[in-house]
């Protein structure tokens, strides 16, 4: 079973997420690719220009890979409080790897995380999330334009 996650649902969930986040941060890092749309809209909402991306590869389409790769680690040495965002925390492996990597590289920084969706079976829970995911999610940014090719 699959769920199409529309722009309207995304916008509603972003509004909900901003009401839940009760922490002041100066930097946002979106986990590419799924977290980029969220990091952009949160950067606009909070008027934060320090919006970066970090890349991970843990899936090939809807198949989980044996290991997660991380690259394109941003230079955030001048940041203090960083919000890491992703569209979904599925297994938790990606978020855990990103948090561990960034904490090791920038031990003086404070990191918290947020996602739109979260699976309770994940190994790590984000500090804030909007909904529990119980089926595979087809995000509008992943499928809407592709289906028009």
N, C-alpha and C. Protein backbone atom coordinates (compact mmCIF):
# COMPACT_ATOMS: atom_id res chain seq x y z
N UNK A 1 0.84 -1.18 0.00
CA UNK A 1 0.00 0.00 0.00
C UNK A 1 0.89 1.25 0.00
N UNK A 2 0.45 2.27 -0.74
CA UNK A 2 1.21 3.50 -0.88
C UNK A 2 0.29 4.69 -0.63
N UNK A 3 0.90 5.81 -0.24
CA UNK A 3 0.14 7.04 0.00
C UNK A 3 0.78 8.17 -0.80
N UNK A 4 -0.02 8.88 -1.58
CA UNK A 4 0.47 10.05 -2.31
C UNK A 4 0.42 11.25 -1.37
N UNK A 5 1.59 11.81 -1.10
CA UNK A 5 1.73 12.95 -0.20
C UNK A 5 1.72 14.21 -1.06
N UNK A 6 0.62 14.92 -1.04
CA UNK A 6 0.41 16.06 -1.92
C UNK A 6 1.04 17.35 -1.37
N UNK A 7 1.10 18.36 -2.24
CA UNK A 7 1.60 19.67 -1.80
C UNK A 7 0.72 20.23 -0.68
N UNK A 8 -0.58 20.07 -0.81
CA UNK A 8 -1.50 20.58 0.21
C UNK A 8 -1.24 19.92 1.56
N UNK A 9 -1.01 18.62 1.57
CA UNK A 9 -0.70 17.91 2.81
C UNK A 9 0.65 18.39 3.37
N UNK A 10 1.62 18.58 2.48
CA UNK A 10 2.93 19.10 2.87
C UNK A 10 2.79 20.45 3.56
N UNK A 11 2.04 21.36 2.95
CA UNK A 11 1.87 22.69 3.51
C UNK A 11 1.19 22.64 4.88
N UNK A 12 0.14 21.84 5.00
CA UNK A 12 -0.54 21.68 6.30
C UNK A 12 0.41 21.12 7.34
N UNK A 13 1.20 20.11 6.95
CA UNK A 13 2.13 19.49 7.90
C UNK A 13 3.27 20.44 8.28
N UNK A 14 3.72 21.28 7.35
CA UNK A 14 4.74 22.27 7.68
C UNK A 14 4.21 23.27 8.71
N UNK A 15 2.98 23.68 8.55
CA UNK A 15 2.37 24.60 9.52
C UNK A 15 2.30 23.94 10.90
N UNK A 16 1.92 22.68 10.92
CA UNK A 16 1.86 21.94 12.19
C UNK A 16 3.25 21.81 12.80
N UNK A 17 4.25 21.50 11.97
CA UNK A 17 5.60 21.32 12.46
C UNK A 17 6.14 22.61 13.08
N UNK A 18 5.87 23.76 12.46
CA UNK A 18 6.38 25.02 13.00
C UNK A 18 5.75 25.33 14.36
N UNK A 19 4.55 24.85 14.59
CA UNK A 19 3.91 25.05 15.90
C UNK A 19 4.51 24.14 16.97
N UNK A 20 5.07 23.02 16.54
CA UNK A 20 5.66 22.06 17.49
C UNK A 20 7.09 22.42 17.87
N UNK A 21 7.84 22.99 16.94
CA UNK A 21 9.25 23.29 17.20
C UNK A 21 9.34 24.44 18.20
N UNK A 22 9.87 24.15 19.36
CA UNK A 22 9.97 25.13 20.45
C UNK A 22 11.43 25.39 20.83
N UNK A 23 12.25 25.57 19.83
CA UNK A 23 13.68 25.73 20.02
C UNK A 23 14.19 26.76 19.01
N UNK A 24 15.04 27.65 19.45
CA UNK A 24 15.62 28.65 18.55
C UNK A 24 16.89 28.10 17.95
N UNK A 25 17.00 28.17 16.65
CA UNK A 25 18.16 27.65 15.93
C UNK A 25 18.61 28.69 14.92
N UNK A 26 19.89 28.62 14.55
CA UNK A 26 20.44 29.60 13.63
C UNK A 26 20.79 29.01 12.27
N UNK A 27 20.67 27.71 12.14
CA UNK A 27 21.07 27.02 10.91
C UNK A 27 20.13 25.84 10.67
N UNK A 28 19.86 25.57 9.40
CA UNK A 28 19.05 24.42 9.01
C UNK A 28 19.87 23.59 8.02
N UNK A 29 19.89 22.28 8.24
CA UNK A 29 20.51 21.37 7.29
C UNK A 29 19.46 20.37 6.83
N UNK A 30 19.19 20.37 5.54
CA UNK A 30 18.27 19.41 4.95
C UNK A 30 19.02 18.20 4.45
N UNK A 31 18.51 17.03 4.78
CA UNK A 31 19.11 15.80 4.29
C UNK A 31 18.60 15.57 2.87
N UNK A 32 19.52 15.65 1.91
CA UNK A 32 19.15 15.53 0.50
C UNK A 32 18.91 14.07 0.13
N UNK A 33 17.88 13.90 -0.61
CA UNK A 33 17.10 14.92 -1.28
C UNK A 33 15.81 15.23 -0.54
N UNK A 34 15.25 14.28 0.17
CA UNK A 34 13.93 14.45 0.76
C UNK A 34 13.77 15.63 1.68
N UNK A 35 14.81 16.02 2.39
CA UNK A 35 14.71 17.12 3.34
C UNK A 35 14.91 18.50 2.74
N UNK A 36 15.25 18.57 1.45
CA UNK A 36 15.54 19.87 0.85
C UNK A 36 14.30 20.75 0.74
N UNK A 37 13.19 20.19 0.37
CA UNK A 37 11.97 20.99 0.24
C UNK A 37 11.56 21.54 1.61
N UNK A 38 11.66 20.70 2.63
CA UNK A 38 11.33 21.13 3.98
C UNK A 38 12.32 22.17 4.49
N UNK A 39 13.61 21.98 4.25
CA UNK A 39 14.60 22.95 4.73
C UNK A 39 14.40 24.31 4.08
N UNK A 40 14.04 24.32 2.81
CA UNK A 40 13.80 25.57 2.10
C UNK A 40 12.62 26.32 2.70
N UNK A 41 11.50 25.65 2.86
CA UNK A 41 10.31 26.33 3.37
C UNK A 41 10.49 26.78 4.82
N UNK A 42 11.21 25.98 5.63
CA UNK A 42 11.48 26.39 7.02
C UNK A 42 12.44 27.57 7.06
N UNK A 43 13.41 27.60 6.15
CA UNK A 43 14.32 28.73 6.07
C UNK A 43 13.56 30.02 5.77
N UNK A 44 12.61 29.94 4.88
CA UNK A 44 11.77 31.10 4.57
C UNK A 44 10.91 31.49 5.78
N UNK A 45 10.28 30.51 6.39
CA UNK A 45 9.38 30.77 7.52
C UNK A 45 10.12 31.42 8.69
N UNK A 46 11.28 30.88 9.04
CA UNK A 46 12.05 31.39 10.19
C UNK A 46 13.02 32.51 9.80
N UNK A 47 13.04 32.89 8.53
CA UNK A 47 13.94 33.93 8.02
C UNK A 47 15.40 33.60 8.35
N UNK A 48 15.76 32.38 8.06
CA UNK A 48 17.13 31.90 8.26
C UNK A 48 17.76 31.68 6.89
N UNK A 49 18.87 32.34 6.65
CA UNK A 49 19.57 32.19 5.37
C UNK A 49 20.62 31.09 5.41
N UNK A 50 21.00 30.66 6.59
CA UNK A 50 22.00 29.60 6.72
C UNK A 50 21.28 28.25 6.57
N UNK A 51 20.96 27.93 5.33
CA UNK A 51 20.26 26.68 4.99
C UNK A 51 21.22 25.88 4.11
N UNK A 52 21.56 24.68 4.57
CA UNK A 52 22.54 23.84 3.88
C UNK A 52 21.93 22.48 3.58
N UNK A 53 22.66 21.74 2.75
CA UNK A 53 22.27 20.37 2.43
C UNK A 53 23.41 19.43 2.82
N UNK A 54 23.02 18.24 3.20
CA UNK A 54 23.96 17.14 3.39
C UNK A 54 23.39 15.97 2.60
N UNK A 55 24.23 15.26 1.90
CA UNK A 55 23.75 14.18 1.05
C UNK A 55 23.94 12.81 1.69
N UNK A 56 22.93 12.01 1.53
CA UNK A 56 23.00 10.60 1.93
C UNK A 56 22.33 9.77 0.86
N UNK A 57 22.77 8.55 0.76
CA UNK A 57 22.12 7.59 -0.13
C UNK A 57 21.90 6.32 0.68
N UNK A 58 20.64 6.00 0.90
CA UNK A 58 20.29 4.81 1.65
C UNK A 58 19.25 3.95 0.94
N UNK A 59 18.66 4.51 -0.12
CA UNK A 59 17.63 3.80 -0.87
C UNK A 59 17.91 3.89 -2.35
N UNK A 60 17.50 2.87 -3.09
CA UNK A 60 17.45 2.88 -4.54
C UNK A 60 15.98 2.72 -4.88
N UNK A 61 15.33 3.83 -5.24
CA UNK A 61 13.88 3.89 -5.40
C UNK A 61 13.25 3.53 -4.05
N UNK A 62 12.53 2.42 -3.96
CA UNK A 62 11.92 2.06 -2.67
C UNK A 62 12.61 0.86 -2.02
N UNK A 63 13.82 0.53 -2.50
CA UNK A 63 14.58 -0.58 -1.93
C UNK A 63 15.72 -0.04 -1.05
N UNK A 64 15.75 -0.48 0.21
CA UNK A 64 16.78 -0.05 1.15
C UNK A 64 18.11 -0.71 0.78
N UNK A 65 19.18 0.09 0.75
CA UNK A 65 20.51 -0.42 0.44
C UNK A 65 21.13 -1.04 1.70
N UNK A 66 22.20 -1.80 1.52
CA UNK A 66 22.87 -2.47 2.64
C UNK A 66 23.51 -1.49 3.60
N UNK A 67 23.92 -0.34 3.10
CA UNK A 67 24.55 0.67 3.97
C UNK A 67 24.18 2.06 3.44
N UNK A 68 24.32 3.06 4.29
CA UNK A 68 24.03 4.44 3.91
C UNK A 68 25.34 5.19 3.71
N UNK A 69 25.43 5.91 2.62
CA UNK A 69 26.59 6.74 2.33
C UNK A 69 26.27 8.18 2.69
N UNK A 70 27.27 8.92 3.19
CA UNK A 70 27.10 10.32 3.52
C UNK A 70 28.21 11.12 2.86
N UNK A 71 27.86 12.26 2.26
CA UNK A 71 28.84 13.12 1.61
C UNK A 71 28.30 14.54 1.52
N UNK A 72 29.10 15.46 1.03
CA UNK A 72 28.72 16.86 0.93
C UNK A 72 28.41 17.46 2.31
N UNK A 73 29.31 17.21 3.25
CA UNK A 73 29.11 17.70 4.62
C UNK A 73 29.38 19.20 4.65
N UNK A 74 28.40 20.02 5.07
CA UNK A 74 28.59 21.47 5.04
C UNK A 74 29.56 21.97 6.11
N UNK A 75 30.14 23.11 5.84
CA UNK A 75 31.01 23.78 6.80
C UNK A 75 30.12 24.66 7.69
N UNK A 76 29.87 24.20 8.91
CA UNK A 76 28.99 24.92 9.83
C UNK A 76 29.72 25.32 11.10
N UNK A 77 31.01 25.54 11.00
CA UNK A 77 31.81 25.84 12.19
C UNK A 77 31.38 27.12 12.89
N UNK A 78 30.70 28.05 12.19
CA UNK A 78 30.24 29.29 12.80
C UNK A 78 28.82 29.18 13.35
N UNK A 79 28.19 28.05 13.15
CA UNK A 79 26.82 27.85 13.64
C UNK A 79 26.85 27.39 15.09
N UNK A 80 25.76 27.55 15.77
CA UNK A 80 25.67 27.11 17.17
C UNK A 80 24.55 26.07 17.35
N UNK A 81 23.34 26.43 16.92
CA UNK A 81 22.17 25.56 17.10
C UNK A 81 21.61 25.21 15.73
N UNK A 82 21.70 23.92 15.40
CA UNK A 82 21.39 23.46 14.05
C UNK A 82 20.21 22.50 14.06
N UNK A 83 19.25 22.79 13.19
CA UNK A 83 18.10 21.91 13.00
C UNK A 83 18.35 21.06 11.77
N UNK A 84 18.37 19.74 11.95
CA UNK A 84 18.51 18.78 10.86
C UNK A 84 17.10 18.35 10.45
N UNK A 85 16.77 18.44 9.16
CA UNK A 85 15.43 18.09 8.72
C UNK A 85 15.46 17.07 7.59
N UNK A 86 14.45 16.23 7.60
CA UNK A 86 14.25 15.25 6.53
C UNK A 86 12.75 15.06 6.34
N UNK A 87 12.39 14.51 5.19
CA UNK A 87 10.98 14.30 4.93
C UNK A 87 10.41 13.19 5.82
N UNK A 88 11.18 12.12 6.01
CA UNK A 88 10.70 10.98 6.79
C UNK A 88 11.88 10.32 7.50
N UNK A 89 11.64 9.90 8.71
CA UNK A 89 12.58 9.04 9.43
C UNK A 89 11.98 7.64 9.32
N UNK A 90 12.58 6.85 8.45
CA UNK A 90 12.06 5.53 8.13
C UNK A 90 12.73 4.48 9.01
N UNK A 91 13.93 4.07 8.68
CA UNK A 91 14.65 3.12 9.52
C UNK A 91 15.37 3.84 10.66
N UNK A 92 15.66 5.13 10.45
CA UNK A 92 16.42 5.92 11.42
C UNK A 92 17.91 5.92 11.13
N UNK A 93 18.35 5.05 10.24
CA UNK A 93 19.77 4.92 9.94
C UNK A 93 20.36 6.21 9.39
N UNK A 94 19.65 6.87 8.48
CA UNK A 94 20.16 8.10 7.87
C UNK A 94 20.29 9.21 8.91
N UNK A 95 19.24 9.45 9.67
CA UNK A 95 19.29 10.51 10.67
C UNK A 95 20.37 10.23 11.70
N UNK A 96 20.48 9.01 12.15
CA UNK A 96 21.50 8.64 13.12
C UNK A 96 22.90 8.89 12.57
N UNK A 97 23.14 8.50 11.32
CA UNK A 97 24.45 8.70 10.70
C UNK A 97 24.76 10.19 10.55
N UNK A 98 23.79 10.98 10.13
CA UNK A 98 24.00 12.42 9.97
C UNK A 98 24.31 13.07 11.32
N UNK A 99 23.52 12.75 12.33
CA UNK A 99 23.75 13.33 13.66
C UNK A 99 25.11 12.92 14.22
N UNK A 100 25.47 11.67 14.08
CA UNK A 100 26.76 11.19 14.57
C UNK A 100 27.91 11.87 13.83
N UNK A 101 27.82 11.95 12.51
CA UNK A 101 28.87 12.55 11.70
C UNK A 101 29.05 14.03 12.04
N UNK A 102 27.94 14.76 12.13
CA UNK A 102 28.03 16.19 12.41
C UNK A 102 28.48 16.47 13.84
N UNK A 103 28.02 15.67 14.79
CA UNK A 103 28.43 15.84 16.19
C UNK A 103 29.92 15.57 16.34
N UNK A 104 30.42 14.55 15.65
CA UNK A 104 31.86 14.25 15.69
C UNK A 104 32.68 15.39 15.09
N UNK A 105 32.20 15.93 13.98
CA UNK A 105 32.94 16.98 13.28
C UNK A 105 32.80 18.35 13.96
N UNK A 106 31.63 18.60 14.56
CA UNK A 106 31.35 19.91 15.18
C UNK A 106 30.85 19.71 16.61
N UNK A 107 31.72 19.31 17.53
CA UNK A 107 31.28 18.97 18.89
C UNK A 107 30.77 20.16 19.71
N UNK A 108 31.06 21.38 19.30
CA UNK A 108 30.57 22.55 20.04
C UNK A 108 29.18 22.98 19.60
N UNK A 109 28.65 22.37 18.58
CA UNK A 109 27.32 22.71 18.07
C UNK A 109 26.25 21.86 18.76
N UNK A 110 25.05 22.41 18.80
CA UNK A 110 23.88 21.70 19.32
C UNK A 110 23.01 21.28 18.14
N UNK A 111 22.61 20.03 18.12
CA UNK A 111 21.82 19.51 17.01
C UNK A 111 20.49 18.98 17.51
N UNK A 112 19.43 19.30 16.78
CA UNK A 112 18.11 18.72 17.00
C UNK A 112 17.57 18.37 15.62
N UNK A 113 16.52 17.57 15.60
CA UNK A 113 16.01 17.08 14.32
C UNK A 113 14.50 17.18 14.23
N UNK A 114 14.04 17.31 12.98
CA UNK A 114 12.60 17.38 12.71
C UNK A 114 12.32 16.68 11.39
N UNK A 115 11.16 16.07 11.32
CA UNK A 115 10.72 15.45 10.07
C UNK A 115 9.20 15.57 9.97
N UNK A 116 8.74 15.44 8.77
CA UNK A 116 7.30 15.45 8.56
C UNK A 116 6.69 14.14 9.03
N UNK A 117 7.36 13.05 8.71
CA UNK A 117 6.84 11.72 9.02
C UNK A 117 7.88 10.90 9.76
N UNK A 118 7.40 9.94 10.51
CA UNK A 118 8.27 9.12 11.35
C UNK A 118 7.64 7.74 11.48
N UNK A 119 8.46 6.70 11.32
CA UNK A 119 8.00 5.34 11.56
C UNK A 119 8.45 4.93 12.96
N UNK A 120 7.52 4.46 13.76
CA UNK A 120 7.84 4.10 15.15
C UNK A 120 8.83 2.96 15.25
N UNK A 121 9.04 2.24 14.17
CA UNK A 121 10.03 1.16 14.17
C UNK A 121 11.46 1.67 13.94
N UNK A 122 11.61 2.97 13.69
CA UNK A 122 12.94 3.55 13.44
C UNK A 122 13.81 3.44 14.68
N UNK A 123 15.11 3.41 14.45
CA UNK A 123 16.07 3.28 15.54
C UNK A 123 16.28 4.58 16.31
N UNK A 124 15.80 5.68 15.76
CA UNK A 124 15.94 6.99 16.40
C UNK A 124 14.68 7.80 16.11
N UNK A 125 14.27 8.58 17.07
CA UNK A 125 13.09 9.42 16.89
C UNK A 125 13.54 10.87 16.76
N UNK A 126 13.02 11.60 15.76
CA UNK A 126 13.37 13.02 15.65
C UNK A 126 12.79 13.78 16.85
N UNK A 127 13.37 14.92 17.14
CA UNK A 127 12.87 15.73 18.25
C UNK A 127 11.44 16.20 17.99
N UNK A 128 11.13 16.47 16.73
CA UNK A 128 9.78 16.86 16.35
C UNK A 128 9.40 16.15 15.06
N UNK A 129 8.17 15.70 14.99
CA UNK A 129 7.62 15.15 13.75
C UNK A 129 6.12 15.40 13.77
N UNK A 130 5.49 15.23 12.61
CA UNK A 130 4.07 15.55 12.49
C UNK A 130 3.21 14.30 12.53
N UNK A 131 3.54 13.29 11.74
CA UNK A 131 2.68 12.11 11.60
C UNK A 131 3.49 10.82 11.62
N UNK A 132 2.80 9.77 12.00
CA UNK A 132 3.40 8.44 11.88
C UNK A 132 3.13 7.92 10.47
N UNK A 133 4.17 7.37 9.86
CA UNK A 133 4.03 6.76 8.54
C UNK A 133 3.81 5.26 8.71
N UNK A 134 2.75 4.76 8.11
CA UNK A 134 2.43 3.33 8.23
C UNK A 134 2.52 2.59 6.90
N UNK A 135 2.63 3.35 5.81
CA UNK A 135 2.75 2.78 4.46
C UNK A 135 3.85 3.53 3.72
N UNK A 136 4.20 3.06 2.52
CA UNK A 136 5.19 3.74 1.70
C UNK A 136 4.61 5.09 1.26
N UNK A 137 5.42 6.15 1.35
CA UNK A 137 4.97 7.50 1.01
C UNK A 137 5.57 7.90 -0.34
N UNK A 138 4.71 8.31 -1.26
CA UNK A 138 5.14 8.89 -2.53
C UNK A 138 4.99 10.41 -2.40
N UNK A 139 6.09 11.09 -2.11
CA UNK A 139 6.06 12.54 -1.94
C UNK A 139 5.84 13.22 -3.29
N UNK A 140 5.08 14.30 -3.29
CA UNK A 140 4.77 14.98 -4.54
C UNK A 140 6.04 15.40 -5.28
N UNK A 141 7.09 15.79 -4.56
CA UNK A 141 8.32 16.22 -5.23
C UNK A 141 9.06 15.06 -5.87
N UNK A 142 8.74 13.84 -5.50
CA UNK A 142 9.40 12.67 -6.08
C UNK A 142 8.63 12.09 -7.26
N UNK A 143 7.32 12.28 -7.29
CA UNK A 143 6.53 11.58 -8.31
C UNK A 143 5.74 12.47 -9.25
N UNK A 144 5.29 13.63 -8.82
CA UNK A 144 4.36 14.42 -9.65
C UNK A 144 4.96 14.82 -10.99
N UNK A 145 6.14 15.38 -10.99
CA UNK A 145 6.75 15.83 -12.24
C UNK A 145 7.24 14.64 -13.07
N UNK A 146 7.72 13.60 -12.40
CA UNK A 146 8.26 12.42 -13.09
C UNK A 146 7.16 11.73 -13.91
N UNK A 147 5.95 11.71 -13.39
CA UNK A 147 4.86 11.03 -14.10
C UNK A 147 4.47 11.76 -15.37
N UNK A 148 4.92 13.02 -15.52
CA UNK A 148 4.61 13.79 -16.73
C UNK A 148 5.67 13.63 -17.83
N UNK A 149 6.70 12.81 -17.57
CA UNK A 149 7.76 12.64 -18.59
C UNK A 149 7.26 11.91 -19.78
